[in-house]
N, C-alpha and C. Protein backbone atom coordinates (compact mmCIF):
# COMPACT_ATOMS: atom_id res chain seq x y z
N UNK A 1 17.54 -4.56 -1.47
CA UNK A 1 16.40 -4.95 -2.26
C UNK A 1 15.81 -6.21 -1.63
N UNK A 2 14.54 -6.21 -1.42
CA UNK A 2 13.90 -7.37 -0.80
C UNK A 2 13.12 -8.13 -1.85
N UNK A 3 13.22 -9.44 -1.78
CA UNK A 3 12.46 -10.28 -2.69
C UNK A 3 11.09 -10.54 -2.09
N UNK A 4 10.09 -10.59 -2.92
CA UNK A 4 8.74 -10.83 -2.42
C UNK A 4 8.37 -12.28 -2.65
N UNK A 5 7.84 -12.90 -1.60
CA UNK A 5 7.43 -14.30 -1.68
C UNK A 5 5.95 -14.37 -1.38
N UNK A 6 5.31 -15.39 -1.92
CA UNK A 6 3.91 -15.59 -1.59
C UNK A 6 3.78 -16.31 -0.25
N UNK A 7 4.83 -16.93 0.20
CA UNK A 7 4.86 -17.60 1.50
C UNK A 7 6.29 -17.48 2.02
N UNK A 8 6.47 -17.59 3.33
CA UNK A 8 7.84 -17.49 3.83
C UNK A 8 8.68 -18.64 3.26
N UNK A 9 9.95 -18.38 2.97
CA UNK A 9 10.79 -19.43 2.40
C UNK A 9 10.96 -20.60 3.38
N UNK A 10 10.98 -21.78 2.83
CA UNK A 10 11.14 -22.99 3.64
C UNK A 10 12.53 -23.54 3.35
N UNK A 11 13.26 -23.85 4.39
CA UNK A 11 14.60 -24.39 4.21
C UNK A 11 14.54 -25.90 4.38
N UNK A 12 14.97 -26.60 3.35
CA UNK A 12 15.02 -28.05 3.40
C UNK A 12 16.46 -28.47 3.64
N UNK A 13 16.62 -29.56 4.31
CA UNK A 13 17.97 -30.09 4.45
C UNK A 13 18.34 -30.74 3.13
N UNK A 14 19.62 -30.76 2.82
CA UNK A 14 20.01 -31.33 1.53
C UNK A 14 19.68 -32.82 1.48
N UNK A 15 19.43 -33.35 0.28
CA UNK A 15 19.12 -34.78 0.17
C UNK A 15 20.31 -35.62 0.58
N UNK A 16 20.05 -36.82 1.01
CA UNK A 16 21.18 -37.67 1.41
C UNK A 16 22.04 -37.99 0.19
N UNK A 17 23.33 -38.13 0.45
CA UNK A 17 24.24 -38.46 -0.64
C UNK A 17 23.94 -39.87 -1.12
N UNK A 18 24.14 -40.15 -2.39
CA UNK A 18 23.85 -41.50 -2.89
C UNK A 18 24.70 -42.54 -2.18
N UNK A 19 24.10 -43.66 -1.89
CA UNK A 19 24.75 -44.79 -1.24
C UNK A 19 25.30 -44.44 0.14
N UNK A 20 24.70 -43.46 0.85
CA UNK A 20 25.20 -43.09 2.16
C UNK A 20 24.56 -43.91 3.27
N UNK A 21 23.42 -44.56 2.99
CA UNK A 21 22.76 -45.35 4.04
C UNK A 21 23.42 -46.72 4.14
N UNK A 22 23.48 -47.23 5.34
CA UNK A 22 24.06 -48.58 5.48
C UNK A 22 23.17 -49.60 4.79
N UNK A 23 23.74 -50.75 4.41
CA UNK A 23 22.95 -51.76 3.72
C UNK A 23 21.77 -52.21 4.57
N UNK A 24 20.62 -52.36 3.95
CA UNK A 24 19.43 -52.84 4.64
C UNK A 24 18.65 -51.74 5.32
N UNK A 25 19.16 -50.51 5.32
CA UNK A 25 18.43 -49.41 5.96
C UNK A 25 17.29 -48.97 5.05
N UNK A 26 16.25 -48.47 5.65
CA UNK A 26 15.09 -47.99 4.88
C UNK A 26 15.36 -46.56 4.46
N UNK A 27 15.25 -46.35 3.19
CA UNK A 27 15.48 -45.00 2.66
C UNK A 27 14.20 -44.18 2.80
N UNK A 28 14.31 -42.91 3.08
CA UNK A 28 13.12 -42.08 3.16
C UNK A 28 12.47 -41.93 1.79
N UNK A 29 11.24 -41.44 1.75
CA UNK A 29 10.48 -41.27 0.51
C UNK A 29 11.09 -40.21 -0.40
N UNK A 30 10.34 -39.79 -1.37
CA UNK A 30 10.89 -38.83 -2.34
C UNK A 30 11.22 -37.50 -1.67
N UNK A 31 12.19 -36.84 -2.20
CA UNK A 31 12.61 -35.55 -1.67
C UNK A 31 12.36 -34.49 -2.71
N UNK A 32 11.78 -33.38 -2.45
CA UNK A 32 11.02 -33.07 -1.25
C UNK A 32 9.75 -33.91 -1.20
N UNK A 33 9.13 -34.00 -0.03
CA UNK A 33 7.94 -34.85 0.10
C UNK A 33 6.85 -34.43 -0.87
N UNK A 34 6.21 -35.41 -1.46
CA UNK A 34 5.14 -35.15 -2.42
C UNK A 34 3.82 -35.36 -1.71
N UNK A 35 2.96 -34.35 -1.76
CA UNK A 35 1.65 -34.49 -1.12
C UNK A 35 0.67 -35.12 -2.11
N UNK A 36 -0.36 -35.74 -1.56
CA UNK A 36 -1.39 -36.36 -2.39
C UNK A 36 -2.18 -35.26 -3.09
N UNK A 37 -2.62 -35.49 -4.33
CA UNK A 37 -3.40 -34.47 -5.03
C UNK A 37 -4.70 -34.19 -4.28
N UNK A 38 -5.05 -32.92 -4.20
CA UNK A 38 -6.27 -32.54 -3.50
C UNK A 38 -7.48 -32.86 -4.37
N UNK A 39 -8.54 -33.29 -3.75
CA UNK A 39 -9.78 -33.58 -4.47
C UNK A 39 -10.55 -32.29 -4.67
N UNK A 40 -11.25 -32.16 -5.81
CA UNK A 40 -12.02 -30.95 -6.02
C UNK A 40 -13.19 -30.89 -5.04
N UNK A 41 -13.65 -29.68 -4.72
CA UNK A 41 -14.77 -29.56 -3.79
C UNK A 41 -16.03 -30.19 -4.36
N UNK A 42 -16.96 -30.56 -3.48
CA UNK A 42 -18.21 -31.18 -3.91
C UNK A 42 -18.99 -30.20 -4.78
N UNK A 43 -19.58 -30.70 -5.85
CA UNK A 43 -20.36 -29.87 -6.76
C UNK A 43 -19.52 -29.15 -7.79
N UNK A 44 -18.22 -29.35 -7.76
CA UNK A 44 -17.34 -28.69 -8.73
C UNK A 44 -17.34 -29.47 -10.03
N UNK A 45 -17.57 -28.78 -11.11
CA UNK A 45 -17.53 -29.41 -12.43
C UNK A 45 -16.35 -28.80 -13.18
N UNK A 46 -15.40 -29.62 -13.59
CA UNK A 46 -14.25 -29.06 -14.30
C UNK A 46 -14.69 -28.44 -15.62
N UNK A 47 -14.02 -27.36 -16.01
CA UNK A 47 -14.36 -26.69 -17.26
C UNK A 47 -14.02 -27.60 -18.42
N UNK A 48 -14.98 -27.81 -19.27
CA UNK A 48 -14.70 -28.63 -20.44
C UNK A 48 -14.14 -27.73 -21.53
N UNK A 49 -13.29 -28.26 -22.34
CA UNK A 49 -12.71 -27.43 -23.39
C UNK A 49 -13.78 -26.99 -24.38
N UNK A 50 -13.64 -25.77 -24.86
CA UNK A 50 -14.61 -25.26 -25.81
C UNK A 50 -14.41 -25.94 -27.15
N UNK A 51 -15.50 -26.27 -27.77
CA UNK A 51 -15.46 -26.93 -29.07
C UNK A 51 -15.53 -25.84 -30.14
N UNK A 52 -14.55 -25.82 -31.01
CA UNK A 52 -14.50 -24.84 -32.09
C UNK A 52 -15.34 -25.39 -33.24
N UNK A 53 -16.42 -24.69 -33.55
CA UNK A 53 -17.28 -25.12 -34.64
C UNK A 53 -16.66 -24.76 -35.98
N UNK A 54 -16.14 -23.57 -36.10
CA UNK A 54 -15.50 -23.13 -37.35
C UNK A 54 -14.54 -21.98 -37.00
N UNK A 55 -13.42 -21.94 -37.72
CA UNK A 55 -12.47 -20.85 -37.56
C UNK A 55 -12.22 -20.22 -38.92
N UNK A 56 -12.49 -18.93 -39.00
CA UNK A 56 -12.30 -18.17 -40.23
C UNK A 56 -11.22 -17.13 -39.93
N UNK A 57 -10.02 -17.40 -40.38
CA UNK A 57 -8.84 -16.57 -40.05
C UNK A 57 -8.73 -16.46 -38.54
N UNK A 58 -8.81 -15.25 -38.00
CA UNK A 58 -8.70 -15.09 -36.55
C UNK A 58 -10.05 -15.08 -35.85
N UNK A 59 -11.13 -15.27 -36.58
CA UNK A 59 -12.47 -15.34 -36.00
C UNK A 59 -12.74 -16.80 -35.64
N UNK A 60 -13.03 -17.06 -34.36
CA UNK A 60 -13.27 -18.42 -33.89
C UNK A 60 -14.70 -18.51 -33.38
N UNK A 61 -15.48 -19.42 -33.96
CA UNK A 61 -16.86 -19.61 -33.54
C UNK A 61 -16.91 -20.81 -32.59
N UNK A 62 -17.20 -20.53 -31.33
CA UNK A 62 -17.37 -21.57 -30.31
C UNK A 62 -18.74 -21.32 -29.67
N UNK A 63 -19.76 -22.00 -30.18
CA UNK A 63 -21.11 -21.71 -29.68
C UNK A 63 -21.12 -21.73 -28.16
N UNK A 64 -21.71 -20.76 -27.55
CA UNK A 64 -22.65 -19.73 -28.03
C UNK A 64 -22.02 -18.38 -28.30
N UNK A 65 -20.69 -18.30 -28.52
CA UNK A 65 -20.05 -17.01 -28.74
C UNK A 65 -19.13 -17.05 -29.96
N UNK A 66 -18.76 -15.84 -30.40
CA UNK A 66 -17.79 -15.66 -31.47
C UNK A 66 -16.60 -14.94 -30.83
N UNK A 67 -15.43 -15.51 -30.93
CA UNK A 67 -14.24 -14.90 -30.32
C UNK A 67 -13.40 -14.25 -31.43
N UNK A 68 -13.08 -12.99 -31.22
CA UNK A 68 -12.23 -12.24 -32.13
C UNK A 68 -11.11 -11.61 -31.32
N UNK A 69 -10.05 -11.14 -31.96
CA UNK A 69 -9.00 -10.45 -31.21
C UNK A 69 -9.50 -9.18 -30.52
N UNK A 70 -10.61 -8.62 -31.01
CA UNK A 70 -11.15 -7.39 -30.42
C UNK A 70 -12.12 -7.67 -29.28
N UNK A 71 -12.53 -8.91 -29.09
CA UNK A 71 -13.46 -9.23 -28.01
C UNK A 71 -14.37 -10.38 -28.38
N UNK A 72 -15.39 -10.57 -27.56
CA UNK A 72 -16.32 -11.68 -27.72
C UNK A 72 -17.68 -11.13 -28.11
N UNK A 73 -18.28 -11.75 -29.14
CA UNK A 73 -19.62 -11.38 -29.60
C UNK A 73 -20.55 -12.56 -29.38
N UNK A 74 -21.83 -12.31 -29.11
CA UNK A 74 -22.77 -13.43 -29.04
C UNK A 74 -23.02 -13.99 -30.44
N UNK A 75 -23.14 -15.30 -30.53
CA UNK A 75 -23.36 -15.95 -31.82
C UNK A 75 -24.78 -15.74 -32.32
N UNK A 76 -25.76 -15.82 -31.41
CA UNK A 76 -27.16 -15.68 -31.81
C UNK A 76 -27.41 -14.28 -32.37
N UNK A 77 -27.96 -14.23 -33.56
CA UNK A 77 -28.31 -12.95 -34.18
C UNK A 77 -27.17 -12.27 -34.90
N UNK A 78 -26.01 -12.89 -35.01
CA UNK A 78 -24.88 -12.28 -35.71
C UNK A 78 -25.12 -12.34 -37.21
N UNK A 79 -24.72 -11.30 -37.91
CA UNK A 79 -24.83 -11.33 -39.37
C UNK A 79 -23.42 -11.34 -39.95
N UNK A 80 -23.29 -12.07 -41.04
CA UNK A 80 -22.00 -12.30 -41.67
C UNK A 80 -22.02 -11.74 -43.09
N UNK A 81 -20.93 -11.10 -43.50
CA UNK A 81 -20.81 -10.56 -44.85
C UNK A 81 -19.45 -10.96 -45.42
N UNK A 82 -19.45 -11.32 -46.70
CA UNK A 82 -18.21 -11.72 -47.37
C UNK A 82 -18.06 -10.89 -48.64
N UNK A 83 -16.88 -10.35 -48.85
CA UNK A 83 -16.57 -9.63 -50.08
C UNK A 83 -15.17 -10.04 -50.51
N UNK A 84 -15.03 -10.35 -51.80
CA UNK A 84 -13.70 -10.71 -52.28
C UNK A 84 -13.21 -9.63 -53.23
N UNK A 85 -11.94 -9.31 -53.08
CA UNK A 85 -11.30 -8.27 -53.87
C UNK A 85 -10.11 -8.89 -54.60
N UNK A 86 -10.26 -9.02 -55.93
CA UNK A 86 -9.23 -9.64 -56.76
C UNK A 86 -8.41 -8.59 -57.47
N UNK A 87 -7.14 -8.88 -57.66
CA UNK A 87 -6.27 -8.03 -58.45
C UNK A 87 -5.61 -8.90 -59.51
N UNK A 88 -5.48 -8.33 -60.68
CA UNK A 88 -4.83 -9.03 -61.79
C UNK A 88 -3.53 -8.31 -62.08
N UNK A 89 -2.44 -9.06 -62.07
CA UNK A 89 -1.12 -8.48 -62.28
C UNK A 89 -0.49 -9.13 -63.50
N UNK A 90 -0.10 -8.30 -64.46
CA UNK A 90 0.57 -8.81 -65.67
C UNK A 90 1.99 -8.28 -65.70
N UNK A 91 2.92 -9.19 -66.00
CA UNK A 91 4.32 -8.77 -66.13
C UNK A 91 4.99 -9.68 -67.15
N UNK A 92 6.15 -9.25 -67.60
CA UNK A 92 6.90 -10.06 -68.56
C UNK A 92 7.40 -11.30 -67.84
N UNK A 93 7.19 -12.46 -68.47
CA UNK A 93 7.62 -13.72 -67.87
C UNK A 93 9.14 -13.74 -67.73
N UNK A 94 9.62 -14.30 -66.65
CA UNK A 94 11.06 -14.34 -66.36
C UNK A 94 11.80 -15.11 -67.45
N UNK A 95 11.22 -16.24 -67.84
CA UNK A 95 11.90 -17.05 -68.86
C UNK A 95 11.96 -16.30 -70.19
N UNK A 96 10.93 -15.49 -70.50
CA UNK A 96 10.92 -14.73 -71.75
C UNK A 96 11.98 -13.63 -71.73
N UNK A 97 12.19 -13.03 -70.58
CA UNK A 97 13.21 -11.99 -70.45
C UNK A 97 14.61 -12.59 -70.66
N UNK A 98 14.84 -13.76 -70.07
CA UNK A 98 16.13 -14.44 -70.25
C UNK A 98 16.34 -14.80 -71.72
N UNK A 99 15.30 -15.32 -72.38
CA UNK A 99 15.42 -15.68 -73.80
C UNK A 99 15.68 -14.44 -74.66
N UNK A 100 15.06 -13.31 -74.32
CA UNK A 100 15.27 -12.09 -75.10
C UNK A 100 16.71 -11.61 -74.97
N UNK A 101 17.27 -11.70 -73.76
CA UNK A 101 18.66 -11.24 -73.56
C UNK A 101 19.64 -12.16 -74.26
N UNK A 102 19.45 -13.47 -74.10
CA UNK A 102 20.36 -14.44 -74.75
C UNK A 102 20.19 -14.39 -76.26
N UNK A 103 18.96 -14.29 -76.72
CA UNK A 103 18.70 -14.27 -78.16
C UNK A 103 19.12 -12.98 -78.82
N UNK A 104 19.33 -11.93 -78.06
CA UNK A 104 19.73 -10.64 -78.62
C UNK A 104 21.05 -10.74 -79.38
N UNK A 105 21.93 -11.65 -78.93
CA UNK A 105 23.22 -11.79 -79.58
C UNK A 105 23.13 -12.61 -80.86
N UNK A 106 22.08 -13.41 -81.03
CA UNK A 106 21.93 -14.24 -82.24
C UNK A 106 20.98 -13.58 -83.24
N UNK A 107 19.77 -13.35 -82.80
CA UNK A 107 18.73 -12.77 -83.66
C UNK A 107 18.25 -11.47 -83.01
N UNK A 108 18.95 -10.43 -83.25
CA UNK A 108 18.73 -9.17 -82.54
C UNK A 108 17.28 -8.73 -82.57
N UNK A 109 16.70 -8.60 -83.73
CA UNK A 109 15.34 -8.06 -83.85
C UNK A 109 14.29 -9.05 -83.36
N UNK A 110 14.42 -10.32 -83.76
CA UNK A 110 13.39 -11.31 -83.43
C UNK A 110 13.36 -11.67 -81.94
N UNK A 111 14.47 -11.53 -81.27
CA UNK A 111 14.49 -11.85 -79.85
C UNK A 111 13.65 -10.87 -79.03
N UNK A 112 13.39 -9.69 -79.57
CA UNK A 112 12.57 -8.71 -78.86
C UNK A 112 11.11 -9.15 -78.77
N UNK A 113 10.69 -10.08 -79.62
CA UNK A 113 9.32 -10.59 -79.55
C UNK A 113 9.07 -11.35 -78.24
N UNK A 114 10.14 -11.88 -77.66
CA UNK A 114 9.98 -12.55 -76.36
C UNK A 114 9.45 -11.59 -75.29
N UNK A 115 9.75 -10.30 -75.44
CA UNK A 115 9.31 -9.31 -74.45
C UNK A 115 7.80 -9.06 -74.51
N UNK A 116 7.14 -9.58 -75.53
CA UNK A 116 5.69 -9.43 -75.62
C UNK A 116 4.93 -10.49 -74.81
N UNK A 117 5.64 -11.52 -74.36
CA UNK A 117 5.00 -12.60 -73.61
C UNK A 117 4.76 -12.13 -72.18
N UNK A 118 3.52 -12.15 -71.79
CA UNK A 118 3.13 -11.69 -70.45
C UNK A 118 2.71 -12.87 -69.58
N UNK A 119 2.92 -12.71 -68.30
CA UNK A 119 2.52 -13.70 -67.31
C UNK A 119 1.44 -13.04 -66.43
N UNK A 120 0.29 -13.69 -66.30
CA UNK A 120 -0.80 -13.13 -65.51
C UNK A 120 -0.89 -13.85 -64.18
N UNK A 121 -0.99 -13.07 -63.11
CA UNK A 121 -1.11 -13.63 -61.77
C UNK A 121 -2.28 -12.97 -61.06
N UNK A 122 -3.14 -13.79 -60.50
CA UNK A 122 -4.28 -13.27 -59.75
C UNK A 122 -4.00 -13.43 -58.26
N UNK A 123 -4.32 -12.42 -57.50
CA UNK A 123 -4.21 -12.50 -56.05
C UNK A 123 -5.19 -11.48 -55.47
N UNK A 124 -5.48 -11.65 -54.21
CA UNK A 124 -6.41 -10.72 -53.60
C UNK A 124 -6.68 -11.06 -52.15
N UNK A 125 -7.74 -10.47 -51.63
CA UNK A 125 -8.14 -10.71 -50.26
C UNK A 125 -9.64 -10.94 -50.20
N UNK A 126 -10.03 -11.71 -49.21
CA UNK A 126 -11.44 -11.90 -48.90
C UNK A 126 -11.67 -11.21 -47.57
N UNK A 127 -12.68 -10.36 -47.55
CA UNK A 127 -13.00 -9.62 -46.34
C UNK A 127 -14.25 -10.23 -45.71
N UNK A 128 -14.09 -10.75 -44.49
CA UNK A 128 -15.21 -11.35 -43.75
C UNK A 128 -15.56 -10.40 -42.61
N UNK A 129 -16.82 -9.98 -42.57
CA UNK A 129 -17.28 -9.06 -41.53
C UNK A 129 -18.36 -9.75 -40.72
N UNK A 130 -18.23 -9.71 -39.40
CA UNK A 130 -19.26 -10.24 -38.51
C UNK A 130 -19.77 -9.07 -37.68
N UNK A 131 -21.11 -8.94 -37.63
CA UNK A 131 -21.74 -7.83 -36.92
C UNK A 131 -22.79 -8.40 -35.98
N UNK A 132 -22.79 -7.89 -34.74
CA UNK A 132 -23.85 -8.24 -33.80
C UNK A 132 -24.10 -7.00 -32.95
N UNK A 133 -25.26 -6.39 -33.16
CA UNK A 133 -25.59 -5.15 -32.45
C UNK A 133 -24.65 -4.05 -32.87
N UNK A 134 -24.06 -3.38 -31.89
CA UNK A 134 -23.14 -2.28 -32.18
C UNK A 134 -21.71 -2.76 -32.39
N UNK A 135 -21.46 -4.05 -32.23
CA UNK A 135 -20.11 -4.59 -32.35
C UNK A 135 -19.89 -5.16 -33.74
N UNK A 136 -18.69 -4.96 -34.24
CA UNK A 136 -18.34 -5.43 -35.58
C UNK A 136 -16.87 -5.82 -35.60
N UNK A 137 -16.54 -6.84 -36.39
CA UNK A 137 -15.14 -7.22 -36.58
C UNK A 137 -14.94 -7.58 -38.04
N UNK A 138 -13.83 -7.14 -38.61
CA UNK A 138 -13.51 -7.40 -40.01
C UNK A 138 -12.19 -8.17 -40.08
N UNK A 139 -12.20 -9.30 -40.79
CA UNK A 139 -10.98 -10.07 -41.03
C UNK A 139 -10.67 -10.02 -42.52
N UNK A 140 -9.42 -9.76 -42.83
CA UNK A 140 -8.98 -9.73 -44.23
C UNK A 140 -8.05 -10.92 -44.44
N UNK A 141 -8.43 -11.79 -45.36
CA UNK A 141 -7.71 -13.04 -45.57
C UNK A 141 -7.10 -13.04 -46.97
N UNK A 142 -5.77 -13.15 -47.10
CA UNK A 142 -5.17 -13.20 -48.43
C UNK A 142 -5.47 -14.53 -49.13
N UNK A 143 -5.75 -14.46 -50.43
CA UNK A 143 -6.05 -15.66 -51.21
C UNK A 143 -5.29 -15.58 -52.53
N UNK A 144 -5.05 -16.76 -53.11
CA UNK A 144 -4.35 -16.81 -54.39
C UNK A 144 -5.13 -17.55 -55.47
N UNK A 145 -6.19 -18.27 -55.08
CA UNK A 145 -7.00 -18.93 -56.11
C UNK A 145 -8.46 -19.00 -55.69
N UNK A 146 -9.30 -19.35 -56.65
CA UNK A 146 -10.74 -19.37 -56.42
C UNK A 146 -11.15 -20.46 -55.44
N UNK A 147 -10.39 -21.53 -55.32
CA UNK A 147 -10.69 -22.59 -54.37
C UNK A 147 -10.65 -22.10 -52.93
N UNK A 148 -9.70 -21.24 -52.62
CA UNK A 148 -9.63 -20.67 -51.27
C UNK A 148 -10.83 -19.77 -50.99
N UNK A 149 -11.25 -19.02 -51.99
CA UNK A 149 -12.42 -18.15 -51.83
C UNK A 149 -13.66 -18.99 -51.56
N UNK A 150 -13.82 -20.08 -52.29
CA UNK A 150 -14.98 -20.96 -52.10
C UNK A 150 -14.96 -21.58 -50.70
N UNK A 151 -13.77 -21.98 -50.24
CA UNK A 151 -13.65 -22.57 -48.90
C UNK A 151 -14.08 -21.57 -47.82
N UNK A 152 -13.64 -20.33 -47.96
CA UNK A 152 -14.02 -19.29 -46.98
C UNK A 152 -15.52 -19.04 -47.03
N UNK A 153 -16.10 -19.02 -48.23
CA UNK A 153 -17.55 -18.84 -48.34
C UNK A 153 -18.31 -19.98 -47.68
N UNK A 154 -17.81 -21.21 -47.83
CA UNK A 154 -18.45 -22.36 -47.17
C UNK A 154 -18.37 -22.23 -45.65
N UNK A 155 -17.23 -21.79 -45.14
CA UNK A 155 -17.09 -21.60 -43.69
C UNK A 155 -18.05 -20.53 -43.18
N UNK A 156 -18.18 -19.43 -43.90
CA UNK A 156 -19.09 -18.36 -43.49
C UNK A 156 -20.52 -18.83 -43.57
N UNK A 157 -20.88 -19.61 -44.58
CA UNK A 157 -22.26 -20.13 -44.66
C UNK A 157 -22.56 -21.02 -43.47
N UNK A 158 -21.60 -21.82 -43.03
CA UNK A 158 -21.80 -22.66 -41.85
C UNK A 158 -21.97 -21.80 -40.60
N UNK A 159 -21.14 -20.74 -40.48
CA UNK A 159 -21.27 -19.83 -39.34
C UNK A 159 -22.64 -19.14 -39.36
N UNK A 160 -23.13 -18.79 -40.56
CA UNK A 160 -24.47 -18.18 -40.67
C UNK A 160 -25.54 -19.14 -40.16
N UNK A 161 -25.40 -20.41 -40.53
CA UNK A 161 -26.39 -21.39 -40.08
C UNK A 161 -26.37 -21.55 -38.57
N UNK A 162 -25.19 -21.43 -37.94
CA UNK A 162 -25.11 -21.49 -36.49
C UNK A 162 -25.71 -20.24 -35.84
N UNK A 163 -25.59 -19.10 -36.51
CA UNK A 163 -26.12 -17.85 -35.97
C UNK A 163 -27.64 -17.81 -35.97
N UNK A 164 -28.26 -18.51 -36.89
CA UNK A 164 -29.72 -18.46 -36.98
C UNK A 164 -30.38 -19.51 -36.11
N UNK A 165 -29.64 -20.54 -35.69
CA UNK A 165 -30.27 -21.60 -34.88
C UNK A 165 -30.20 -21.32 -33.42
């Protein structure tokens, strides 16, 4: 089996053992030799990091483009849509179930009233869709309260303002 190298292997002699030079001798430079950093060619401009204007889940808006896991869309002319889908879940509260079981041994009939106590929990997703021409991307973001929904709407409104300018 042959190993592939991008350049032929270079054999270096091992570094000198510590304290092997006689006193007063000049020690060689760093091992292996370090070359000076190369200067960039004339007219070369280093790439500046992209500034993220807003990030909505996995959708990243870096003017003049929108980056998604499915690809890159142009920011100009993009349309944004937001839809929130809430679910309401009711179940017997855990503490009420424990009280009903413990109370069953003391007040058999009355402890069953604890089972009527319900706990309501809201949860859902916000669906953000960005469309530009024939390209479309949909992000589904889980939310647990109305504050998160408002925050996502504010982010999308900012992205809309960037798309129109």
